[in-house]
């Protein structure tokens, strides 16, 4: 099993959710986060004063998938989250040793 963590633009979260649902991913966690990478933030003008915004709003998507679905899930996230502009985000894939469904006690792929 793999844990896919994707940092994406917030307005793309619905597109990514739909793309993952189409390939059979049944559950995911979405969090509102702030961060920056090469985009480095920006400056804004508010009532005549200039403010530096270092951390930009992003969405963090965590989804656990079986090994057989990893490549499809990554492709779905990439295609749905891409705008072609700087700040589209990153995807991190880590090995997931165990998953347990609390209600039933199912483990492994069955728990996903």
C-alpha atoms as a PDB file:
ATOM      1  CA  UNK A   1       0.000   0.000   0.000  1.00  0.00           C
ATOM      2  CA  UNK A   2       1.065   3.595  -0.584  1.00  0.00           C
ATOM      3  CA  UNK A   3       0.155   6.885   1.037  1.00  0.00           C
ATOM      4  CA  UNK A   4      -0.075   9.642  -1.563  1.00  0.00           C
ATOM      5  CA  UNK A   5       0.178  13.186  -0.238  1.00  0.00           C
ATOM      6  CA  UNK A   6      -0.530  15.916  -2.765  1.00  0.00           C
ATOM      7  CA  UNK A   7      -0.150  19.644  -2.170  1.00  0.00           C
ATOM      8  CA  UNK A   8      -2.360  21.404  -4.722  1.00  0.00           C
ATOM      9  CA  UNK A   9      -4.076  24.709  -5.419  1.00  0.00           C
ATOM     10  CA  UNK A  10      -7.273  24.875  -3.346  1.00  0.00           C
ATOM     11  CA  UNK A  11      -9.622  25.545  -6.270  1.00  0.00           C
ATOM     12  CA  UNK A  12      -8.476  22.286  -7.899  1.00  0.00           C
ATOM     13  CA  UNK A  13      -9.524  20.054  -4.990  1.00  0.00           C
ATOM     14  CA  UNK A  14     -12.967  19.192  -6.421  1.00  0.00           C
ATOM     15  CA  UNK A  15     -11.444  18.297  -9.801  1.00  0.00           C
ATOM     16  CA  UNK A  16      -8.907  16.027  -8.106  1.00  0.00           C
ATOM     17  CA  UNK A  17     -11.592  14.381  -5.939  1.00  0.00           C
ATOM     18  CA  UNK A  18     -13.698  13.621  -9.028  1.00  0.00           C
ATOM     19  CA  UNK A  19     -10.701  12.250 -10.946  1.00  0.00           C
ATOM     20  CA  UNK A  20      -9.778   9.930  -8.064  1.00  0.00           C
ATOM     21  CA  UNK A  21     -13.382   8.763  -7.651  1.00  0.00           C
ATOM     22  CA  UNK A  22     -13.507   7.838 -11.349  1.00  0.00           C
ATOM     23  CA  UNK A  23     -10.599   5.401 -10.961  1.00  0.00           C
ATOM     24  CA  UNK A  24     -12.099   3.769  -7.862  1.00  0.00           C
ATOM     25  CA  UNK A  25     -10.420   5.565  -4.959  1.00  0.00           C
ATOM     26  CA  UNK A  26     -13.023   5.471  -2.212  1.00  0.00           C
ATOM     27  CA  UNK A  27     -11.648   7.714   0.513  1.00  0.00           C
ATOM     28  CA  UNK A  28      -9.373  10.680   1.023  1.00  0.00           C
ATOM     29  CA  UNK A  29      -8.573  13.438   3.494  1.00  0.00           C
ATOM     30  CA  UNK A  30      -8.399  17.093   2.471  1.00  0.00           C
ATOM     31  CA  UNK A  31      -6.821  19.774   4.678  1.00  0.00           C
ATOM     32  CA  UNK A  32      -6.415  23.495   4.172  1.00  0.00           C
ATOM     33  CA  UNK A  33      -2.735  24.363   4.606  1.00  0.00           C
ATOM     34  CA  UNK A  34      -0.378  27.219   3.853  1.00  0.00           C
ATOM     35  CA  UNK A  35       3.065  27.008   2.307  1.00  0.00           C
ATOM     36  CA  UNK A  36       5.405  28.063  -0.424  1.00  0.00           C
ATOM     37  CA  UNK A  37       7.997  26.607  -2.728  1.00  0.00           C
ATOM     38  CA  UNK A  38       9.569  28.223  -5.745  1.00  0.00           C
ATOM     39  CA  UNK A  39       6.536  30.488  -5.931  1.00  0.00           C
ATOM     40  CA  UNK A  40       7.929  32.412  -2.906  1.00  0.00           C
ATOM     41  CA  UNK A  41       4.717  34.250  -2.024  1.00  0.00           C
ATOM     42  CA  UNK A  42       3.802  37.753  -3.161  1.00  0.00           C
ATOM     43  CA  UNK A  43       3.097  41.277  -1.957  1.00  0.00           C
ATOM     44  CA  UNK A  44      -0.356  42.788  -1.564  1.00  0.00           C
ATOM     45  CA  UNK A  45      -1.542  46.330  -1.104  1.00  0.00           C
ATOM     46  CA  UNK A  46      -4.120  46.929   1.634  1.00  0.00           C
ATOM     47  CA  UNK A  47      -5.298  50.458   2.456  1.00  0.00           C
ATOM     48  CA  UNK A  48      -2.126  51.936   1.081  1.00  0.00           C
ATOM     49  CA  UNK A  49       0.210  49.642   3.020  1.00  0.00           C
ATOM     50  CA  UNK A  50       2.232  46.904   1.356  1.00  0.00           C
ATOM     51  CA  UNK A  51       2.165  43.443   2.949  1.00  0.00           C
ATOM     52  CA  UNK A  52       4.354  40.472   2.093  1.00  0.00           C
ATOM     53  CA  UNK A  53       2.409  37.222   1.945  1.00  0.00           C
ATOM     54  CA  UNK A  54       5.001  34.472   2.440  1.00  0.00           C
ATOM     55  CA  UNK A  55       2.706  31.497   2.930  1.00  0.00           C
ATOM     56  CA  UNK A  56       0.126  30.904   0.210  1.00  0.00           C
ATOM     57  CA  UNK A  57      -3.107  28.946   0.712  1.00  0.00           C
ATOM     58  CA  UNK A  58      -2.847  25.354  -0.503  1.00  0.00           C
ATOM     59  CA  UNK A  59      -4.825  22.138  -0.108  1.00  0.00           C
ATOM     60  CA  UNK A  60      -3.239  18.940   1.196  1.00  0.00           C
ATOM     61  CA  UNK A  61      -4.789  15.729  -0.035  1.00  0.00           C
ATOM     62  CA  UNK A  62      -3.916  12.426   1.661  1.00  0.00           C
ATOM     63  CA  UNK A  63      -5.075   9.201   0.070  1.00  0.00           C
ATOM     64  CA  UNK A  64      -4.125   5.600   0.824  1.00  0.00           C
ATOM     65  CA  UNK A  65      -4.192   3.269  -2.177  1.00  0.00           C
ATOM     66  CA  UNK A  66      -3.211  -0.320  -2.959  1.00  0.00           C
ATOM     67  CA  UNK A  67       0.077  -0.701  -4.829  1.00  0.00           C
ATOM     68  CA  UNK A  68      -1.823  -1.638  -8.002  1.00  0.00           C
ATOM     69  CA  UNK A  69      -3.646   1.719  -8.045  1.00  0.00           C
ATOM     70  CA  UNK A  70      -0.698   4.011  -7.234  1.00  0.00           C
ATOM     71  CA  UNK A  71       0.302   4.979 -10.783  1.00  0.00           C
ATOM     72  CA  UNK A  72      -3.307   5.586 -11.848  1.00  0.00           C
ATOM     73  CA  UNK A  73      -3.925   7.762  -8.779  1.00  0.00           C
ATOM     74  CA  UNK A  74      -0.795   9.835  -9.376  1.00  0.00           C
ATOM     75  CA  UNK A  75      -1.734  10.321 -13.037  1.00  0.00           C
ATOM     76  CA  UNK A  76      -5.275  11.345 -12.062  1.00  0.00           C
ATOM     77  CA  UNK A  77      -3.981  13.892  -9.537  1.00  0.00           C
ATOM     78  CA  UNK A  78      -1.436  15.309 -11.986  1.00  0.00           C
ATOM     79  CA  UNK A  79      -3.924  15.750 -14.796  1.00  0.00           C
ATOM     80  CA  UNK A  80      -6.703  17.184 -12.599  1.00  0.00           C
ATOM     81  CA  UNK A  81      -4.503  19.551 -10.557  1.00  0.00           C
ATOM     82  CA  UNK A  82      -2.377  20.939 -13.372  1.00  0.00           C
ATOM     83  CA  UNK A  83      -2.865  24.514 -14.532  1.00  0.00           C
ATOM     84  CA  UNK A  84       0.513  24.808 -16.223  1.00  0.00           C
ATOM     85  CA  UNK A  85       1.461  27.694 -13.938  1.00  0.00           C
ATOM     86  CA  UNK A  86       3.969  27.953 -11.120  1.00  0.00           C
ATOM     87  CA  UNK A  87       2.599  26.731  -7.786  1.00  0.00           C
ATOM     88  CA  UNK A  88       0.612  23.762  -9.106  1.00  0.00           C
ATOM     89  CA  UNK A  89       2.006  21.680  -6.250  1.00  0.00           C
ATOM     90  CA  UNK A  90       3.839  18.484  -5.450  1.00  0.00           C
ATOM     91  CA  UNK A  91       3.037  14.820  -4.874  1.00  0.00           C
ATOM     92  CA  UNK A  92       4.799  12.683  -2.278  1.00  0.00           C
ATOM     93  CA  UNK A  93       4.472   8.890  -2.193  1.00  0.00           C
ATOM     94  CA  UNK A  94       5.397   6.907   0.912  1.00  0.00           C
ATOM     95  CA  UNK A  95       5.138   3.239   1.772  1.00  0.00           C
ATOM     96  CA  UNK A  96       2.231   2.422   4.037  1.00  0.00           C
ATOM     97  CA  UNK A  97       2.978  -0.557   6.239  1.00  0.00           C
ATOM     98  CA  UNK A  98      -0.463  -1.203   7.654  1.00  0.00           C
ATOM     99  CA  UNK A  99      -4.011   0.116   7.535  1.00  0.00           C
ATOM    100  CA  UNK A 100      -6.771  -0.901   9.938  1.00  0.00           C
ATOM    101  CA  UNK A 101     -10.467  -0.109   9.685  1.00  0.00           C
ATOM    102  CA  UNK A 102     -11.484   0.644  13.253  1.00  0.00           C
ATOM    103  CA  UNK A 103     -15.151  -0.369  12.933  1.00  0.00           C
ATOM    104  CA  UNK A 104     -14.565  -3.868  11.516  1.00  0.00           C
ATOM    105  CA  UNK A 105     -10.930  -4.601  12.310  1.00  0.00           C
ATOM    106  CA  UNK A 106     -10.129  -5.226   8.642  1.00  0.00           C
ATOM    107  CA  UNK A 107      -6.458  -4.791   7.784  1.00  0.00           C
ATOM    108  CA  UNK A 108      -4.326  -4.142   4.722  1.00  0.00           C
ATOM    109  CA  UNK A 109      -5.963  -3.480   1.352  1.00  0.00           C
ATOM    110  CA  UNK A 110      -9.341  -4.574   2.758  1.00  0.00           C
ATOM    111  CA  UNK A 111      -9.249  -1.616   5.158  1.00  0.00           C
ATOM    112  CA  UNK A 112      -8.911   0.879   2.322  1.00  0.00           C
END
